[in-house]
C-alpha atoms as a PDB file:
ATOM      1  CA  MET A   1    -106.992  17.702  -4.946  1.00  0.00           C
ATOM      2  CA  SER A   2    -106.915  14.828  -2.455  1.00  0.00           C
ATOM      3  CA  LYS A   3    -105.950  11.260  -3.303  1.00  0.00           C
ATOM      4  CA  TRP A   4    -109.540  10.121  -2.624  1.00  0.00           C
ATOM      5  CA  MET A   5    -110.844  12.353  -5.379  1.00  0.00           C
ATOM      6  CA  TRP A   6    -108.113  11.164  -7.755  1.00  0.00           C
ATOM      7  CA  LEU A   7    -109.136   7.557  -7.103  1.00  0.00           C
ATOM      8  CA  THR A   8    -112.779   8.408  -7.866  1.00  0.00           C
ATOM      9  CA  ILE A   9    -111.845  10.134 -11.140  1.00  0.00           C
ATOM     10  CA  LEU A  10    -109.510   7.278 -12.116  1.00  0.00           C
ATOM     11  CA  ALA A  11    -112.217   4.644 -11.501  1.00  0.00           C
ATOM     12  CA  ALA A  12    -114.748   6.621 -13.564  1.00  0.00           C
ATOM     13  CA  GLY A  13    -112.229   6.995 -16.422  1.00  0.00           C
ATOM     14  CA  VAL A  14    -111.466   3.255 -16.495  1.00  0.00           C
ATOM     15  CA  ALA A  15    -115.190   2.423 -16.589  1.00  0.00           C
ATOM     16  CA  MET A  16    -115.722   4.753 -19.573  1.00  0.00           C
ATOM     17  CA  ILE A  17    -112.757   3.290 -21.488  1.00  0.00           C
ATOM     18  CA  LEU A  18    -113.853  -0.309 -20.927  1.00  0.00           C
ATOM     19  CA  GLY A  19    -117.344   0.521 -22.205  1.00  0.00           C
ATOM     20  CA  CYS A  20    -119.462  -0.248 -19.173  1.00  0.00           C
ATOM     21  CA  SER A  21    -123.155   0.304 -19.642  1.00  0.00           C
ATOM     22  CA  GLN A  22    -124.345   3.654 -18.444  1.00  0.00           C
ATOM     23  CA  GLN A  23    -125.611   3.726 -14.920  1.00  0.00           C
ATOM     24  CA  PRO A  24    -127.521   6.582 -13.314  1.00  0.00           C
ATOM     25  CA  SER A  25    -124.924   9.194 -12.594  1.00  0.00           C
ATOM     26  CA  GLY A  26    -124.037   9.855  -8.962  1.00  0.00           C
ATOM     27  CA  THR A  27    -122.011  12.672  -7.544  1.00  0.00           C
ATOM     28  CA  ALA A  28    -118.446  11.984  -6.417  1.00  0.00           C
ATOM     29  CA  ALA A  29    -117.853  12.743  -2.773  1.00  0.00           C
ATOM     30  CA  MET A  30    -115.468  15.641  -2.259  1.00  0.00           C
ATOM     31  CA  ILE A  31    -113.071  15.187   0.630  1.00  0.00           C
ATOM     32  CA  GLU A  32    -111.610  18.153   2.466  1.00  0.00           C
ATOM     33  CA  ASP A  33    -109.339  18.684   5.446  1.00  0.00           C
ATOM     34  CA  LYS A  34    -110.726  20.664   8.360  1.00  0.00           C
ATOM     35  CA  THR A  35    -107.897  22.361  10.222  1.00  0.00           C
ATOM     36  CA  TYR A  36    -108.098  23.781  13.738  1.00  0.00           C
ATOM     37  CA  THR A  37    -105.309  25.985  15.099  1.00  0.00           C
ATOM     38  CA  VAL A  38    -104.080  25.371  18.631  1.00  0.00           C
ATOM     39  CA  THR A  39    -101.981  27.693  20.825  1.00  0.00           C
ATOM     40  CA  PRO A  40     -99.778  25.833  23.368  1.00  0.00           C
ATOM     41  CA  ALA A  41     -97.269  26.430  26.197  1.00  0.00           C
ATOM     42  CA  VAL A  42     -94.870  23.887  27.743  1.00  0.00           C
ATOM     43  CA  LYS A  43     -93.060  23.786  31.117  1.00  0.00           C
ATOM     44  CA  ALA A  44     -92.033  20.763  33.160  1.00  0.00           C
ATOM     45  CA  GLY A  45     -89.536  21.371  35.962  1.00  0.00           C
ATOM     46  CA  ILE A  46     -86.137  22.154  34.453  1.00  0.00           C
ATOM     47  CA  VAL A  47     -87.399  21.379  30.952  1.00  0.00           C
ATOM     48  CA  THR A  48     -89.195  24.138  29.040  1.00  0.00           C
ATOM     49  CA  GLY A  49     -90.304  24.292  25.465  1.00  0.00           C
ATOM     50  CA  GLU A  50     -92.656  25.382  22.780  1.00  0.00           C
ATOM     51  CA  VAL A  51     -94.817  23.760  20.158  1.00  0.00           C
ATOM     52  CA  THR A  52     -94.844  25.381  16.749  1.00  0.00           C
ATOM     53  CA  GLU A  53     -96.982  24.695  13.674  1.00  0.00           C
ATOM     54  CA  MET A  54     -99.499  22.997  15.958  1.00  0.00           C
ATOM     55  CA  LYS A  55    -102.838  22.112  14.402  1.00  0.00           C
ATOM     56  CA  VAL A  56    -105.599  19.544  14.475  1.00  0.00           C
ATOM     57  CA  THR A  57    -106.621  18.089  11.117  1.00  0.00           C
ATOM     58  CA  GLU A  58    -109.684  15.969  10.424  1.00  0.00           C
ATOM     59  CA  ARG A  59    -110.541  14.629   6.956  1.00  0.00           C
ATOM     60  CA  VAL A  60    -114.269  14.882   6.155  1.00  0.00           C
ATOM     61  CA  GLU A  61    -116.560  14.336   3.197  1.00  0.00           C
ATOM     62  CA  LYS A  62    -117.719  17.683   1.854  1.00  0.00           C
ATOM     63  CA  GLY A  63    -121.465  18.218   2.116  1.00  0.00           C
ATOM     64  CA  SER A  64    -122.280  15.338   4.456  1.00  0.00           C
ATOM     65  CA  ASP A  65    -119.471  16.099   6.960  1.00  0.00           C
ATOM     66  CA  ARG A  66    -118.897  12.336   7.303  1.00  0.00           C
ATOM     67  CA  VAL A  67    -115.469  11.765   8.900  1.00  0.00           C
ATOM     68  CA  VAL A  68    -113.131   9.943   6.503  1.00  0.00           C
ATOM     69  CA  SER A  69    -109.997  10.140   8.714  1.00  0.00           C
ATOM     70  CA  PRO A  70    -110.250  10.921  12.439  1.00  0.00           C
ATOM     71  CA  ALA A  71    -108.639  14.050  13.874  1.00  0.00           C
ATOM     72  CA  LYS A  72    -104.878  14.147  14.453  1.00  0.00           C
ATOM     73  CA  LEU A  73    -102.733  16.625  16.306  1.00  0.00           C
ATOM     74  CA  THR A  74     -99.519  17.607  14.514  1.00  0.00           C
ATOM     75  CA  GLY A  75     -96.758  20.076  15.230  1.00  0.00           C
ATOM     76  CA  THR A  76     -93.122  20.482  16.193  1.00  0.00           C
ATOM     77  CA  LEU A  77     -92.103  20.161  19.831  1.00  0.00           C
ATOM     78  CA  LYS A  78     -88.926  21.940  20.939  1.00  0.00           C
ATOM     79  CA  LEU A  79     -87.671  21.178  24.452  1.00  0.00           C
ATOM     80  CA  LYS A  80     -84.825  22.915  26.309  1.00  0.00           C
ATOM     81  CA  ASN A  81     -82.904  21.965  29.443  1.00  0.00           C
ATOM     82  CA  THR A  82     -82.798  25.169  31.539  1.00  0.00           C
ATOM     83  CA  SER A  83     -80.686  23.665  34.325  1.00  0.00           C
ATOM     84  CA  ALA A  84     -77.161  24.955  34.867  1.00  0.00           C
ATOM     85  CA  ASN A  85     -75.822  21.712  36.328  1.00  0.00           C
ATOM     86  CA  GLN A  86     -78.059  18.755  35.383  1.00  0.00           C
ATOM     87  CA  THR A  87     -78.261  16.634  32.281  1.00  0.00           C
ATOM     88  CA  VAL A  88     -81.726  15.380  31.353  1.00  0.00           C
ATOM     89  CA  ARG A  89     -82.470  12.070  29.644  1.00  0.00           C
ATOM     90  CA  LEU A  90     -85.931  12.233  28.086  1.00  0.00           C
ATOM     91  CA  VAL A  91     -87.765   8.927  28.437  1.00  0.00           C
ATOM     92  CA  ALA A  92     -91.257   9.546  27.020  1.00  0.00           C
ATOM     93  CA  GLY A  93     -94.114  11.994  26.873  1.00  0.00           C
ATOM     94  CA  LYS A  94     -97.846  11.522  27.181  1.00  0.00           C
ATOM     95  CA  ILE A  95    -100.406  13.982  25.837  1.00  0.00           C
ATOM     96  CA  LEU A  96    -103.636  14.606  27.734  1.00  0.00           C
ATOM     97  CA  TYR A  97    -106.564  16.638  26.427  1.00  0.00           C
ATOM     98  CA  ILE A  98    -108.185  18.491  29.353  1.00  0.00           C
ATOM     99  CA  ASP A  99    -111.776  19.784  29.322  1.00  0.00           C
ATOM    100  CA  ALA A 100    -113.214  22.916  30.984  1.00  0.00           C
ATOM    101  CA  GLN A 101    -113.798  21.001  34.255  1.00  0.00           C
ATOM    102  CA  GLY A 102    -110.142  19.898  34.395  1.00  0.00           C
ATOM    103  CA  GLN A 103    -110.906  16.289  33.426  1.00  0.00           C
ATOM    104  CA  PRO A 104    -109.099  14.334  30.671  1.00  0.00           C
ATOM    105  CA  ILE A 105    -111.067  13.861  27.448  1.00  0.00           C
ATOM    106  CA  LYS A 106    -110.952  10.202  26.448  1.00  0.00           C
ATOM    107  CA  LEU A 107    -110.087   8.964  22.970  1.00  0.00           C
ATOM    108  CA  GLU A 108    -112.437   6.635  21.149  1.00  0.00           C
ATOM    109  CA  GLU A 109    -111.748   2.970  21.990  1.00  0.00           C
ATOM    110  CA  SER A 110    -110.270   1.987  18.620  1.00  0.00           C
ATOM    111  CA  ARG A 111    -107.588   4.700  18.705  1.00  0.00           C
ATOM    112  CA  THR A 112    -104.115   4.628  20.245  1.00  0.00           C
ATOM    113  CA  GLU A 113    -103.027   6.745  23.202  1.00  0.00           C
ATOM    114  CA  PRO A 114    -101.143   9.898  22.205  1.00  0.00           C
ATOM    115  CA  VAL A 115     -97.538   9.389  23.324  1.00  0.00           C
ATOM    116  CA  VAL A 116     -94.300  11.092  22.335  1.00  0.00           C
ATOM    117  CA  LYS A 117     -91.282   8.826  21.967  1.00  0.00           C
ATOM    118  CA  PHE A 118     -87.780  10.226  21.912  1.00  0.00           C
ATOM    119  CA  ALA A 119     -86.406   7.526  19.650  1.00  0.00           C
ATOM    120  CA  THR A 120     -83.892   9.491  17.592  1.00  0.00           C
ATOM    121  CA  TYR A 121     -80.363   8.916  18.857  1.00  0.00           C
ATOM    122  CA  GLY A 122     -79.141  12.008  20.669  1.00  0.00           C
ATOM    123  CA  SER A 123     -82.561  13.664  20.963  1.00  0.00           C
ATOM    124  CA  GLU A 124     -83.241  11.927  24.288  1.00  0.00           C
ATOM    125  CA  ARG A 125     -80.292  13.578  26.096  1.00  0.00           C
ATOM    126  CA  LEU A 126     -80.198  17.278  26.889  1.00  0.00           C
ATOM    127  CA  ASP A 127     -77.135  18.796  28.534  1.00  0.00           C
ATOM    128  CA  PRO A 128     -77.519  22.147  30.350  1.00  0.00           C
ATOM    129  CA  GLY A 129     -78.735  24.812  27.916  1.00  0.00           C
ATOM    130  CA  GLN A 130     -79.192  22.301  25.088  1.00  0.00           C
ATOM    131  CA  ASP A 131     -82.435  21.860  23.155  1.00  0.00           C
ATOM    132  CA  ALA A 132     -83.973  19.158  20.962  1.00  0.00           C
ATOM    133  CA  THR A 133     -86.734  19.161  18.369  1.00  0.00           C
ATOM    134  CA  GLN A 134     -89.305  16.394  18.006  1.00  0.00           C
ATOM    135  CA  SER A 135     -92.214  16.143  15.577  1.00  0.00           C
ATOM    136  CA  LEU A 136     -95.715  15.451  16.891  1.00  0.00           C
ATOM    137  CA  ASP A 137     -98.276  13.330  15.051  1.00  0.00           C
ATOM    138  CA  VAL A 138    -100.776  11.875  17.521  1.00  0.00           C
ATOM    139  CA  GLU A 139    -104.459  10.993  17.818  1.00  0.00           C
ATOM    140  CA  PHE A 140    -106.920  13.728  18.846  1.00  0.00           C
ATOM    141  CA  PRO A 141    -110.331  12.975  20.433  1.00  0.00           C
ATOM    142  CA  ALA A 142    -113.417  13.896  18.391  1.00  0.00           C
ATOM    143  CA  GLU A 143    -115.103  15.094  21.582  1.00  0.00           C
ATOM    144  CA  ALA A 144    -112.428  17.797  21.966  1.00  0.00           C
ATOM    145  CA  LEU A 145    -113.419  19.368  18.618  1.00  0.00           C
ATOM    146  CA  LYS A 146    -116.721  20.605  20.057  1.00  0.00           C
ATOM    147  CA  ALA A 147    -116.873  24.341  20.797  1.00  0.00           C
ATOM    148  CA  LYS A 148    -115.528  25.294  24.249  1.00  0.00           C
ATOM    149  CA  LYS A 149    -114.933  21.644  25.175  1.00  0.00           C
ATOM    150  CA  LEU A 150    -111.113  21.641  25.170  1.00  0.00           C
ATOM    151  CA  LYS A 151    -109.438  23.887  27.733  1.00  0.00           C
ATOM    152  CA  GLU A 152    -105.822  22.720  27.538  1.00  0.00           C
ATOM    153  CA  ILE A 153    -103.432  20.171  26.126  1.00  0.00           C
ATOM    154  CA  ARG A 154    -101.065  18.731  28.711  1.00  0.00           C
ATOM    155  CA  LEU A 155     -97.733  17.115  27.893  1.00  0.00           C
ATOM    156  CA  GLU A 156     -96.540  14.912  30.735  1.00  0.00           C
ATOM    157  CA  LEU A 157     -92.813  14.328  30.400  1.00  0.00           C
ATOM    158  CA  ALA A 158     -90.875  11.487  31.970  1.00  0.00           C
ATOM    159  CA  TYR A 159     -87.184  12.309  32.269  1.00  0.00           C
ATOM    160  CA  ILE A 160     -84.185  11.352  34.363  1.00  0.00           C
ATOM    161  CA  PRO A 161     -82.024  14.213  35.638  1.00  0.00           C
ATOM    162  CA  SER A 162     -78.416  13.539  36.550  1.00  0.00           C
ATOM    163  CA  PRO A 163     -75.660  15.816  37.841  1.00  0.00           C
ATOM    164  CA  TYR A 164     -73.643  17.476  35.132  1.00  0.00           C
ATOM    165  CA  ARG A 165     -70.238  18.800  36.039  1.00  0.00           C
ATOM    166  CA  GLU A 166     -67.392  20.249  34.078  1.00  0.00           C
ATOM    167  CA  GLU A 167     -63.959  20.305  35.673  1.00  0.00           C
ATOM    168  CA  SER A 168     -60.459  21.137  34.565  1.00  0.00           C
ATOM    169  CA  ILE A 169     -57.514  18.896  35.277  1.00  0.00           C
ATOM    170  CA  ASN A 170     -54.101  20.533  35.547  1.00  0.00           C
ATOM    171  CA  PHE A 171     -50.953  18.467  35.039  1.00  0.00           C
ATOM    172  CA  THR A 172     -47.860  19.722  36.847  1.00  0.00           C
ATOM    173  CA  VAL A 173     -44.929  19.415  34.493  1.00  0.00           C
ATOM    174  CA  SER A 174     -41.262  20.383  34.373  1.00  0.00           C
ATOM    175  CA  ILE A 175     -39.003  20.498  31.393  1.00  0.00           C
ATOM    176  CA  GLY A 176     -35.452  19.332  32.005  1.00  0.00           C
ATOM    177  CA  ALA A 177     -32.278  20.435  30.214  1.00  0.00           C
ATOM    178  CA  GLY A 178     -31.945  19.148  26.695  1.00  0.00           C
ATOM    179  CA  LYS A 179     -29.756  16.022  26.246  1.00  0.00           C
ATOM    180  CA  GLU A 180     -27.910  14.825  23.184  1.00  0.00           C
ATOM    181  CA  ALA A 181     -29.422  11.725  21.761  1.00  0.00           C
ATOM    182  CA  ARG A 182     -27.014   8.800  21.750  1.00  0.00           C
ATOM    183  CA  GLY A 183     -26.994   6.488  18.809  1.00  0.00           C
ATOM    184  CA  LEU A 184     -25.764   2.923  18.474  1.00  0.00           C
ATOM    185  CA  ARG A 185     -22.634   3.823  16.487  1.00  0.00           C
ATOM    186  CA  GLY A 186     -20.207   2.427  19.081  1.00  0.00           C
ATOM    187  CA  PHE A 187     -21.870  -0.977  18.904  1.00  0.00           C
ATOM    188  CA  TYR A 188     -21.490  -1.317  15.159  1.00  0.00           C
ATOM    189  CA  ALA A 189     -17.995   0.114  14.900  1.00  0.00           C
ATOM    190  CA  GLY A 190     -15.452  -2.653  14.727  1.00  0.00           C
ATOM    191  CA  SER A 191     -17.919  -5.412  14.357  1.00  0.00           C
ATOM    192  CA  GLY A 192     -17.299  -7.304  11.160  1.00  0.00           C
ATOM    193  CA  ARG A 193     -18.199 -10.583   9.665  1.00  0.00           C
ATOM    194  CA  THR A 194     -16.517 -13.599  11.058  1.00  0.00           C
ATOM    195  CA  ARG A 195     -16.482 -17.029   9.698  1.00  0.00           C
ATOM    196  CA  CYS A 196     -16.593 -19.906  12.061  1.00  0.00           C
ATOM    197  CA  GLY A 197     -14.223 -22.790  11.621  1.00  0.00           C
ATOM    198  CA  ARG A 198     -11.595 -21.063   9.382  1.00  0.00           C
END
């Protein structure tokens, strides 16, 4: 049961306990989540990846289909550096929703642009063969929910590649013949206390 329904039940219970006069009974609005599954693929130069558990969720009022919470895209993004000799520093990602004509689908004006930030320390740097996981929770345009409107979801990645090199350093060494350690015994032998002036 959603929190909206709990709030409606709680308000009705408080009114009954406090003895409000009876009003004509109305029906409580039932809220439900509409979930849409999405199948993605990711490739950007030397960075490849996958998105798992990807879905679009919109909260609507049951019966009237009035939108209570606008659609959001959620999932888990896993990126991998496929380069053998370059480190990648992930800067940011931008998600674009592309229609059947290859044009971006705009978000409603009051909503924020869907960006992916690699804010967790360590998740922004990928050495060769290394991968990182990032959760997605971004706005999704209502227009894209219409049948056959959305063709693809594009993730534009900004990253900085830099050469990665592993080298070995050899130290030339030689071990000499063992030597007996000399102590300070000769210095202390024969030295005694002297008194000045006597």
